[in-house]
Amino acid sequence: MNFKHTGHITIIVLIFGCLIFVGNAYAIQDSVSVGSFPRDIDFDPFLNNLYVPNYESGTISVIDATNMIIKNTISINENNSNPTRLAVDKNQHLVYVTDKISGTLSIIDGIDGKVINTIKIGESLWDIVINEKSNKLYISDLVENKIIVIDKNNFKIIKSIFVNSSPWSIAINQNTNKVYVASGTSEAINVIDGETDSLIYEINPGVKPWGLSINEKSKVLYVSSWDSNQIIVIDIQTDQIIYEIPIISGAWQMTTNQNNGITIISNEHSNELYLLDENSRKIQTISVLDSPQSMIASPTSNIIYVTNPLSNSVSSVVYDYEYHGLSPIIEEIITDNDSINDELILEVIQGISNVPQREDFDTDMISGLLKNLGITGEFDGNGIARILLDDYNEKKELQPKTAIVPSWTTDLAMMFSDDLGSQPTREINCDDDAFFPINDIDNINPFDVWVSILPICALS
């Protein structure tokens, strides 16, 4: 067991589609040697066991997740195997292992470490996930280009679903029961109905997808492509790309902690882990010592467990992570404003920053805003506007005659429209009290709405 400090974490912030470096943090790394070429990792939190398939050794390493020591080494088929990927059933404490060379699926009892069964189900098995809603296994076959659906109760094949070539990664939205399949040699993500196990449509991410991960709370799908220099983020309610994250090429595998909403992305070229917080749109980049591949996040603490195939080891990375509810630019605006209605303005802008960013946003803007704020009762959009304008009027004596419209106002407007019409005004008259009623939102320029309802002069 090796115990190392790994230096600092570089923090990046995503503000309205842009990435900005804003500071440093700290991480500690602990590692343990396993078999040859560990390809995957999963965690049984109740047994406190990490399970790692060693592709070239034909074994499964069982690791104590707290102390990072080997508890057991399980041989599959007397080492005449190539365990590739695995999935842990945390309720039954079973471990399902695929084999890329033999096309077999092995089932291991996680409690006593015994191999229960090994069955031939395909030609070149790769990824495997558990559908908790339907009690099924979904397994990709790289040679036959299909997804094999297995009944977890009897390990019988229910159905084979043919998809685009090279199905590298599978992700399941446990809330909607949709199964997403990344086809690594085509620009396609196949979407399968988890109830009927039938193909329903395709998504084109604009890259050759290798890795997939779903943030069920934020309702977004992350797509990585090994030879691409970006992560694609897709709104799974509309299946539209909402933004892209520029990175160094070499990112592949991803995992999302559904408890805290953090998605971890490994980059084996740059020796980095990216931690993406979708709520605040903040990214932290952790520098690690080995080329990281598969990961699993602890559901209860700030720990990531990572496989390092080139050094035949597994690392635990304990990280220090700061959470921000608002983008720093918005926090600065609020901090600089000494208004008596600071808390209200903060709440309004917080709600605006949480409204989904997509071109087809067609519901009432303020209703969506109030829903995000959690406001109930008789409090309409015009009420918000009038309170903000009252705040403006109280400070009118101290205001300049004119004020420059800040760039973040345009950013807010762009959240609701890609077309701002004519070039927006860069300077406004602070003596003009006119504003647009919120119920006219469909007939006016969204930029003018923000200039009207936000006290630009008071914030200047």
Protein backbone atom coordinates (compact mmCIF):
# COMPACT_ATOMS: atom_id res chain seq x y z
CA MET A 1 0.00 0.00 0.00
CA ASN A 2 1.42 3.34 -1.07
CA PHE A 3 0.34 6.62 0.51
CA LYS A 4 1.07 9.80 -1.42
CA HIS A 5 0.23 13.47 -1.58
CA THR A 6 -0.66 14.35 -5.16
CA GLY A 7 -0.33 18.11 -5.04
CA HIS A 8 -3.23 20.36 -5.84
CA ILE A 9 -6.49 20.30 -7.70
CA THR A 10 -6.99 22.96 -10.32
CA ILE A 11 -10.51 24.34 -10.15
CA ILE A 12 -12.35 25.37 -13.30
CA VAL A 13 -15.68 27.18 -13.41
CA LEU A 14 -18.18 26.94 -16.25
CA ILE A 15 -20.07 30.22 -16.62
CA PHE A 16 -22.71 30.26 -19.35
CA GLY A 17 -20.67 27.85 -21.47
CA CYS A 18 -17.19 29.20 -20.66
CA LEU A 19 -14.50 27.60 -18.52
CA ILE A 20 -12.44 29.70 -16.13
CA PHE A 21 -9.60 28.71 -13.73
CA VAL A 22 -10.35 30.11 -10.30
CA GLY A 23 -8.09 28.48 -7.70
CA ASN A 24 -6.45 25.42 -6.16
CA ALA A 25 -7.46 22.66 -3.76
CA TYR A 26 -5.83 19.57 -2.29
CA ALA A 27 -5.95 15.78 -2.81
CA ILE A 28 -4.33 12.70 -1.23
CA GLN A 29 -3.78 9.38 -2.99
CA ASP A 30 -3.47 5.87 -1.56
CA SER A 31 -2.78 2.87 -3.82
CA VAL A 32 -2.54 -0.91 -3.75
CA SER A 33 -1.05 -3.36 -6.27
CA VAL A 34 -3.45 -5.77 -7.99
CA GLY A 35 -3.20 -8.24 -10.88
CA SER A 36 -2.10 -7.54 -14.42
CA PHE A 37 -4.01 -4.82 -16.34
CA PRO A 38 -6.99 -3.96 -14.12
CA ARG A 39 -9.77 -2.83 -16.49
CA ASP A 40 -12.72 -1.91 -14.29
CA ILE A 41 -13.88 -1.36 -10.71
CA ASP A 42 -17.11 -1.45 -8.72
CA PHE A 43 -18.03 -1.12 -5.06
CA ASP A 44 -20.25 -2.97 -2.60
CA PRO A 45 -20.65 -0.41 0.21
CA PHE A 46 -22.32 -2.88 2.55
CA LEU A 47 -19.42 -5.33 2.38
CA ASN A 48 -16.94 -2.41 2.00
CA ASN A 49 -15.42 -4.34 -0.91
CA LEU A 50 -13.94 -3.05 -4.15
CA TYR A 51 -13.96 -5.57 -7.01
CA VAL A 52 -11.38 -5.26 -9.80
CA PRO A 53 -11.11 -7.53 -12.89
CA ASN A 54 -7.47 -8.16 -13.86
CA TYR A 55 -7.70 -8.67 -17.61
CA GLU A 56 -4.35 -10.38 -18.18
CA SER A 57 -4.22 -12.31 -14.90
CA GLY A 58 -7.65 -13.92 -15.17
CA THR A 59 -8.49 -12.91 -11.59
CA ILE A 60 -10.71 -10.59 -9.56
CA SER A 61 -9.01 -8.58 -6.82
CA VAL A 62 -11.15 -7.91 -3.73
CA ILE A 63 -9.96 -4.78 -1.86
CA ASP A 64 -10.82 -3.43 1.57
CA ALA A 65 -12.04 0.05 0.58
CA THR A 66 -11.09 1.63 3.90
CA ASN A 67 -7.56 0.30 4.36
CA MET A 68 -6.74 -0.26 0.66
CA ILE A 69 -5.43 -3.79 1.19
CA ILE A 70 -6.14 -6.99 -0.76
CA LYS A 71 -8.71 -9.16 1.03
CA ASN A 72 -9.03 -11.90 -1.58
CA THR A 73 -8.02 -12.87 -5.12
CA ILE A 74 -10.67 -14.85 -7.02
CA SER A 75 -9.63 -17.01 -9.96
CA ILE A 76 -12.10 -17.49 -12.81
CA ASN A 77 -11.88 -20.69 -14.84
CA GLU A 78 -8.43 -21.53 -13.40
CA ASN A 79 -6.92 -18.31 -14.81
CA ASN A 80 -7.96 -19.30 -18.36
CA SER A 81 -10.04 -16.16 -18.71
CA ASN A 82 -9.86 -12.45 -19.42
CA PRO A 83 -12.25 -10.70 -17.00
CA THR A 84 -13.04 -7.38 -18.64
CA ARG A 85 -15.83 -5.38 -17.01
CA LEU A 86 -18.04 -6.00 -13.99
CA ALA A 87 -21.15 -4.81 -12.17
CA VAL A 88 -22.00 -5.32 -8.50
CA ASP A 89 -25.53 -6.14 -7.33
CA LYS A 90 -25.49 -4.29 -4.01
CA ASN A 91 -28.72 -5.91 -2.82
CA GLN A 92 -27.82 -9.55 -3.44
CA HIS A 93 -24.04 -9.01 -3.13
CA LEU A 94 -23.39 -10.69 -6.47
CA VAL A 95 -20.65 -9.68 -8.91
CA TYR A 96 -21.25 -10.08 -12.65
CA VAL A 97 -18.11 -10.27 -14.81
CA THR A 98 -17.82 -10.12 -18.62
CA ASP A 99 -15.06 -11.71 -20.71
CA LYS A 100 -14.03 -10.00 -23.96
CA ILE A 101 -12.16 -13.03 -25.33
CA SER A 102 -14.39 -15.99 -24.45
CA GLY A 103 -17.77 -14.23 -24.55
CA THR A 104 -18.72 -15.62 -21.15
CA LEU A 105 -20.53 -14.10 -18.18
CA SER A 106 -19.39 -15.17 -14.70
CA ILE A 107 -21.39 -14.72 -11.49
CA ILE A 108 -19.51 -14.44 -8.19
CA ASP A 109 -20.91 -14.60 -4.66
CA GLY A 110 -19.50 -11.44 -3.13
CA ILE A 111 -19.80 -12.76 0.42
CA ASP A 112 -17.79 -15.98 0.16
CA GLY A 113 -15.86 -15.11 -3.02
CA LYS A 114 -16.91 -18.25 -4.91
CA VAL A 115 -17.71 -18.38 -8.63
CA ILE A 116 -21.34 -19.51 -8.84
CA ASN A 117 -21.67 -19.90 -12.59
CA THR A 118 -19.97 -19.12 -15.91
CA ILE A 119 -22.14 -19.11 -19.05
CA LYS A 120 -21.37 -18.49 -22.74
CA ILE A 121 -23.72 -15.79 -24.04
CA GLY A 122 -21.82 -13.99 -26.84
CA GLU A 123 -18.60 -13.52 -28.76
CA SER A 124 -16.82 -10.51 -27.23
CA LEU A 125 -18.52 -9.19 -24.11
CA TRP A 126 -17.60 -5.72 -22.89
CA ASP A 127 -19.70 -3.36 -20.81
CA ILE A 128 -22.33 -4.50 -18.30
CA VAL A 129 -24.92 -2.58 -16.28
CA ILE A 130 -27.80 -3.53 -13.99
CA ASN A 131 -31.32 -2.26 -14.64
CA GLU A 132 -32.69 -1.95 -11.11
CA LYS A 133 -36.26 -1.32 -12.29
CA SER A 134 -36.60 -4.48 -14.35
CA ASN A 135 -34.05 -6.75 -12.62
CA LYS A 136 -32.16 -7.24 -15.89
CA LEU A 137 -28.54 -7.16 -17.02
CA TYR A 138 -27.56 -5.29 -20.18
CA ILE A 139 -24.29 -6.49 -21.76
CA SER A 140 -22.59 -5.22 -24.92
CA ASP A 141 -21.02 -7.53 -27.51
CA LEU A 142 -18.32 -5.76 -29.55
CA VAL A 143 -18.13 -8.38 -32.31
CA GLU A 144 -21.83 -8.97 -32.90
CA ASN A 145 -22.72 -5.30 -32.28
CA LYS A 146 -25.60 -6.03 -29.98
CA ILE A 147 -26.88 -5.60 -26.45
CA ILE A 148 -27.68 -8.86 -24.69
CA VAL A 149 -30.49 -8.63 -22.13
CA ILE A 150 -30.26 -11.17 -19.29
CA ASP A 151 -32.91 -12.06 -16.69
CA LYS A 152 -31.10 -11.65 -13.39
CA ASN A 153 -33.32 -14.23 -11.71
CA ASN A 154 -32.38 -17.20 -13.91
CA PHE A 155 -29.50 -15.84 -16.06
CA LYS A 156 -31.40 -16.62 -19.28
CA ILE A 157 -31.15 -14.44 -22.38
CA ILE A 158 -34.36 -12.42 -22.76
CA LYS A 159 -33.43 -10.64 -25.97
CA SER A 160 -30.58 -9.48 -28.19
CA ILE A 161 -30.82 -5.91 -29.49
CA PHE A 162 -28.69 -5.03 -32.51
CA VAL A 163 -27.14 -1.56 -32.37
CA ASN A 164 -24.51 0.50 -34.21
CA SER A 165 -20.95 -0.81 -34.38
CA SER A 166 -18.67 -1.04 -31.35
CA PRO A 167 -21.05 -0.61 -28.38
CA TRP A 168 -18.41 0.51 -25.86
CA SER A 169 -20.52 1.95 -23.08
CA ILE A 170 -24.00 1.48 -21.60
CA ALA A 171 -25.79 3.87 -19.23
CA ILE A 172 -29.25 3.45 -17.71
CA ASN A 173 -31.49 6.21 -16.46
CA GLN A 174 -33.08 4.40 -13.52
CA ASN A 175 -35.79 7.09 -13.32
CA THR A 176 -37.03 6.90 -16.92
CA ASN A 177 -35.98 3.28 -17.63
CA LYS A 178 -34.14 4.30 -20.79
CA VAL A 179 -30.92 2.55 -21.81
CA TYR A 180 -28.24 4.53 -23.68
CA VAL A 181 -25.59 2.76 -25.78
CA ALA A 182 -22.47 4.52 -27.12
CA SER A 183 -21.25 3.19 -30.46
CA GLY A 184 -17.56 3.97 -30.54
CA THR A 185 -16.96 3.80 -34.29
CA SER A 186 -20.05 5.75 -35.35
CA GLU A 187 -21.45 9.10 -34.26
CA ALA A 188 -24.48 7.51 -32.64
CA ILE A 189 -26.00 6.82 -29.25
CA ASN A 190 -28.76 4.20 -29.41
CA VAL A 191 -31.65 4.65 -26.97
CA ILE A 192 -33.52 1.54 -25.80
CA ASP A 193 -36.83 1.31 -23.96
CA GLY A 194 -35.99 -0.61 -20.78
CA GLU A 195 -39.54 -1.90 -20.49
CA THR A 196 -39.91 -3.42 -23.98
CA ASP A 197 -36.19 -3.75 -24.76
CA SER A 198 -36.71 -2.23 -28.18
CA LEU A 199 -34.76 0.52 -29.96
CA ILE A 200 -36.69 3.78 -29.93
CA TYR A 201 -34.32 6.33 -31.50
CA GLU A 202 -30.73 7.56 -31.94
CA ILE A 203 -28.91 10.64 -30.71
CA ASN A 204 -26.06 12.16 -32.72
CA PRO A 205 -23.54 13.67 -30.26
CA GLY A 206 -21.26 15.00 -33.02
CA VAL A 207 -18.37 12.77 -31.88
CA LYS A 208 -17.63 9.05 -31.80
CA PRO A 209 -18.91 8.23 -28.29
CA TRP A 210 -16.88 5.98 -26.02
CA GLY A 211 -18.05 6.78 -22.51
CA LEU A 212 -21.49 7.66 -21.12
CA SER A 213 -22.75 8.78 -17.74
CA ILE A 214 -26.12 10.15 -16.63
CA ASN A 215 -26.79 12.73 -13.93
CA GLU A 216 -30.32 11.73 -12.98
CA LYS A 217 -30.96 14.85 -10.86
CA SER A 218 -29.81 17.35 -13.49
CA LYS A 219 -31.24 15.22 -16.31
CA VAL A 220 -28.13 15.41 -18.46
CA LEU A 221 -26.07 12.82 -20.33
CA TYR A 222 -22.28 13.21 -20.50
CA VAL A 223 -20.55 11.83 -23.59
CA SER A 224 -16.80 11.29 -23.91
CA SER A 225 -14.83 10.43 -27.01
CA TRP A 226 -11.29 9.10 -26.55
CA ASP A 227 -9.77 10.95 -29.51
CA SER A 228 -11.83 14.12 -29.05
CA ASN A 229 -10.89 17.22 -27.07
CA GLN A 230 -14.32 17.79 -25.57
CA ILE A 231 -17.04 16.34 -23.37
CA ILE A 232 -20.53 16.66 -24.84
CA VAL A 233 -23.41 17.45 -22.46
CA ILE A 234 -26.90 16.47 -23.65
CA ASP A 235 -30.26 17.37 -22.12
CA ILE A 236 -31.97 13.97 -21.90
CA GLN A 237 -35.40 15.59 -21.84
CA THR A 238 -34.91 17.08 -25.30
CA ASP A 239 -31.95 15.00 -26.55
CA GLN A 240 -30.24 18.24 -27.58
CA ILE A 241 -26.63 19.22 -26.96
CA ILE A 242 -26.66 22.05 -24.40
CA TYR A 243 -22.92 22.71 -24.11
CA GLU A 244 -19.44 21.26 -24.62
CA ILE A 245 -16.53 21.11 -22.20
CA PRO A 246 -13.07 21.59 -23.77
CA ILE A 247 -10.47 19.11 -22.46
CA ILE A 248 -7.27 17.38 -23.54
CA SER A 249 -8.01 14.30 -25.66
CA GLY A 250 -7.78 10.95 -23.87
CA ALA A 251 -10.93 11.08 -21.73
CA TRP A 252 -12.94 7.92 -21.86
CA GLN A 253 -14.61 6.50 -18.81
CA MET A 254 -17.00 8.36 -16.54
CA THR A 255 -19.11 7.77 -13.45
CA THR A 256 -21.69 9.92 -11.68
CA ASN A 257 -22.38 9.94 -7.95
CA GLN A 258 -26.18 10.27 -7.92
CA ASN A 259 -26.13 11.32 -4.26
CA ASN A 260 -24.12 14.54 -4.69
CA GLY A 261 -24.41 15.04 -8.45
CA ILE A 262 -20.65 14.92 -9.08
CA THR A 263 -19.50 13.29 -12.34
CA ILE A 264 -15.92 12.01 -12.51
CA ILE A 265 -14.17 11.74 -15.88
CA SER A 266 -10.75 10.10 -16.31
CA ASN A 267 -8.14 11.24 -18.83
CA GLU A 268 -5.35 8.72 -19.35
CA HIS A 269 -3.38 11.05 -21.65
CA SER A 270 -3.08 13.94 -19.21
CA ASN A 271 -3.09 11.82 -16.00
CA GLU A 272 -6.08 13.73 -14.67
CA LEU A 273 -9.50 13.24 -13.16
CA TYR A 274 -12.18 15.84 -13.91
CA LEU A 275 -14.84 16.42 -11.25
CA LEU A 276 -17.89 18.11 -12.75
CA ASP A 277 -20.58 19.59 -10.51
CA GLU A 278 -23.56 20.17 -12.79
CA ASN A 279 -25.40 22.26 -10.19
CA SER A 280 -22.79 25.02 -10.06
CA ARG A 281 -21.21 24.21 -13.44
CA LYS A 282 -17.82 23.93 -11.72
CA ILE A 283 -15.02 21.56 -12.68
CA GLN A 284 -12.03 20.49 -10.61
CA THR A 285 -9.08 18.81 -12.28
CA ILE A 286 -7.15 16.38 -10.08
CA SER A 287 -3.65 15.44 -11.17
CA VAL A 288 -2.87 11.75 -10.51
CA LEU A 289 0.35 9.77 -10.80
CA ASP A 290 -0.76 7.00 -13.17
CA SER A 291 -2.85 6.79 -16.33
CA PRO A 292 -6.38 6.49 -14.86
CA GLN A 293 -9.16 4.55 -16.52
CA SER A 294 -12.20 3.13 -14.72
CA MET A 295 -13.51 4.77 -11.56
CA ILE A 296 -16.16 4.42 -8.90
CA ALA A 297 -17.12 7.11 -6.38
CA SER A 298 -17.86 6.47 -2.73
CA PRO A 299 -21.56 7.22 -2.10
CA THR A 300 -20.84 8.58 1.39
CA SER A 301 -17.53 10.47 1.22
CA ASN A 302 -15.23 12.46 -1.09
CA ILE A 303 -13.30 9.42 -2.29
CA ILE A 304 -12.77 8.17 -5.84
CA TYR A 305 -11.40 4.69 -6.51
CA VAL A 306 -9.45 4.49 -9.78
CA THR A 307 -7.85 1.68 -11.78
CA ASN A 308 -4.37 2.26 -13.25
CA PRO A 309 -3.76 -0.48 -15.87
CA LEU A 310 -0.25 0.66 -16.77
CA SER A 311 0.99 0.33 -13.18
CA ASN A 312 -1.25 -2.63 -12.21
CA SER A 313 -2.68 -0.74 -9.27
CA VAL A 314 -5.83 0.77 -7.81
CA SER A 315 -5.83 4.20 -6.15
CA SER A 316 -8.13 5.89 -3.73
CA VAL A 317 -8.19 9.66 -4.20
CA VAL A 318 -9.47 11.70 -1.26
CA TYR A 319 -10.32 15.17 -2.48
CA ASP A 320 -11.27 18.50 -0.95
CA TYR A 321 -14.21 19.91 -2.87
CA GLU A 322 -15.92 23.27 -2.43
CA TYR A 323 -19.52 23.59 -3.55
CA HIS A 324 -20.87 26.89 -4.92
CA GLY A 325 -24.55 27.48 -5.52
CA LEU A 326 -23.89 30.42 -7.83
CA SER A 327 -21.37 31.21 -10.51
CA PRO A 328 -18.69 33.56 -9.09
CA ILE A 329 -19.69 36.38 -11.45
CA ILE A 330 -23.21 36.36 -10.01
CA GLU A 331 -21.90 36.12 -6.45
CA GLU A 332 -19.77 39.21 -7.13
CA ILE A 333 -22.77 41.14 -8.41
CA ILE A 334 -24.73 40.32 -5.26
CA THR A 335 -21.79 41.07 -2.95
CA ASP A 336 -21.30 44.51 -4.46
CA ASN A 337 -24.96 45.44 -4.12
CA ASP A 338 -25.97 46.95 -0.77
CA SER A 339 -29.68 46.84 -1.58
CA ILE A 340 -32.23 46.27 1.17
CA ASN A 341 -33.61 43.54 -1.09
CA ASP A 342 -30.30 41.71 -1.50
CA GLU A 343 -31.78 38.35 -0.51
CA LEU A 344 -34.60 38.66 -3.01
CA ILE A 345 -32.25 39.60 -5.85
CA LEU A 346 -29.98 36.72 -4.90
CA GLU A 347 -32.94 34.36 -4.98
CA VAL A 348 -34.15 35.63 -8.33
CA ILE A 349 -30.75 35.34 -10.03
CA GLN A 350 -30.17 31.94 -8.40
CA GLY A 351 -33.42 30.77 -9.92
CA ILE A 352 -32.52 32.21 -13.31
CA SER A 353 -29.18 30.39 -13.26
CA ASN A 354 -31.00 27.10 -12.62
CA VAL A 355 -33.51 27.43 -15.45
CA PRO A 356 -32.62 24.88 -18.19
CA GLN A 357 -30.58 26.31 -21.04
CA ARG A 358 -32.05 25.14 -24.32
CA GLU A 359 -33.29 26.69 -27.55
CA ASP A 360 -36.80 25.24 -27.29
CA PHE A 361 -37.54 26.74 -23.86
CA ASP A 362 -41.23 27.45 -24.49
CA THR A 363 -42.89 27.54 -21.06
CA ASP A 364 -43.66 30.74 -19.22
CA MET A 365 -40.32 32.19 -18.15
CA ILE A 366 -41.33 33.51 -14.76
CA SER A 367 -43.35 30.42 -13.85
CA GLY A 368 -40.21 28.39 -14.44
CA LEU A 369 -38.24 30.86 -12.38
CA LEU A 370 -40.65 30.67 -9.45
CA LYS A 371 -40.70 26.89 -9.65
CA ASN A 372 -36.91 26.79 -9.39
CA LEU A 373 -37.06 29.15 -6.42
CA GLY A 374 -39.69 27.03 -4.68
CA ILE A 375 -41.93 30.07 -4.17
CA THR A 376 -45.58 29.35 -3.43
CA GLY A 377 -48.64 31.54 -2.96
CA GLU A 378 -49.81 34.72 -4.69
CA PHE A 379 -46.51 36.07 -6.04
CA ASP A 380 -46.50 36.75 -9.79
CA GLY A 381 -43.76 37.83 -12.14
CA ASN A 382 -44.87 41.45 -12.19
CA GLY A 383 -44.56 41.43 -8.41
CA ILE A 384 -40.91 40.44 -8.67
CA ALA A 385 -40.27 43.13 -11.25
CA ARG A 386 -41.96 45.85 -9.21
CA ILE A 387 -40.08 44.97 -6.01
CA LEU A 388 -36.78 45.11 -7.89
CA LEU A 389 -37.74 48.43 -9.44
CA ASP A 390 -38.78 49.80 -6.06
CA ASP A 391 -35.32 48.91 -4.83
CA TYR A 392 -33.91 50.78 -7.81
CA ASN A 393 -36.00 53.85 -7.06
CA GLU A 394 -34.82 53.99 -3.43
CA LYS A 395 -31.26 54.43 -4.64
CA LYS A 396 -32.07 56.70 -7.53
CA GLU A 397 -30.54 59.73 -5.87
CA LEU A 398 -27.15 58.00 -5.78
CA GLN A 399 -27.30 56.65 -9.30
CA PRO A 400 -25.57 58.00 -12.37
CA LYS A 401 -27.62 59.38 -15.24
CA THR A 402 -26.61 56.46 -17.45
CA ALA A 403 -25.19 52.99 -16.85
CA ILE A 404 -23.33 50.48 -18.99
CA VAL A 405 -25.27 47.27 -19.41
CA PRO A 406 -23.05 44.45 -18.01
CA SER A 407 -22.24 41.45 -20.16
CA TRP A 408 -23.93 39.03 -17.79
CA THR A 409 -27.29 40.60 -18.73
CA THR A 410 -26.77 39.42 -22.29
CA ASP A 411 -25.75 35.99 -20.95
CA LEU A 412 -29.01 35.75 -19.03
CA ALA A 413 -31.00 36.73 -22.10
CA MET A 414 -29.16 34.12 -24.17
CA MET A 415 -30.35 31.42 -21.77
CA PHE A 416 -33.82 31.86 -23.26
CA SER A 417 -33.07 32.83 -26.84
CA ASP A 418 -30.25 32.36 -29.33
CA ASP A 419 -31.55 35.38 -31.24
CA LEU A 420 -31.41 38.71 -29.42
CA GLY A 421 -32.76 40.53 -32.44
CA SER A 422 -31.01 43.80 -33.10
CA GLN A 423 -27.74 44.63 -31.38
CA PRO A 424 -28.67 45.10 -27.69
CA THR A 425 -28.23 48.47 -26.07
CA ARG A 426 -24.90 48.81 -24.28
CA GLU A 427 -25.98 51.86 -22.29
CA ILE A 428 -29.32 52.64 -20.65
CA ASN A 429 -30.98 55.79 -19.36
CA CYS A 430 -31.19 55.57 -15.58
CA ASP A 431 -34.03 58.09 -15.48
CA ASP A 432 -36.30 55.86 -17.53
CA ASP A 433 -38.73 53.98 -15.26
CA ALA A 434 -40.47 52.07 -18.02
CA PHE A 435 -40.50 48.31 -17.97
CA PHE A 436 -42.13 45.49 -19.89
CA PRO A 437 -44.88 43.46 -18.19
CA ILE A 438 -43.88 39.84 -17.83
CA ASN A 439 -47.05 38.66 -19.55
CA ASP A 440 -45.75 40.22 -22.78
CA ILE A 441 -42.67 37.98 -22.77
CA ASP A 442 -43.58 36.27 -26.05
CA ASN A 443 -43.73 39.56 -27.92
CA ILE A 444 -40.56 41.35 -26.82
CA ASN A 445 -36.85 40.97 -26.97
CA PRO A 446 -35.62 38.82 -24.02
CA PHE A 447 -32.63 41.11 -23.58
CA ASP A 448 -35.01 44.02 -22.91
CA VAL A 449 -36.75 41.96 -20.23
CA TRP A 450 -33.56 41.57 -18.21
CA VAL A 451 -32.65 45.23 -18.60
CA SER A 452 -36.16 46.10 -17.42
CA ILE A 453 -36.65 43.81 -14.42
CA LEU A 454 -33.11 43.84 -13.05
CA PRO A 455 -31.93 47.07 -11.40
CA ILE A 456 -28.96 47.66 -13.70
CA CYS A 457 -28.42 51.25 -12.59
CA ALA A 458 -28.61 50.28 -8.92
CA LEU A 459 -26.01 47.58 -9.50
CA SER A 460 -23.65 49.92 -11.36
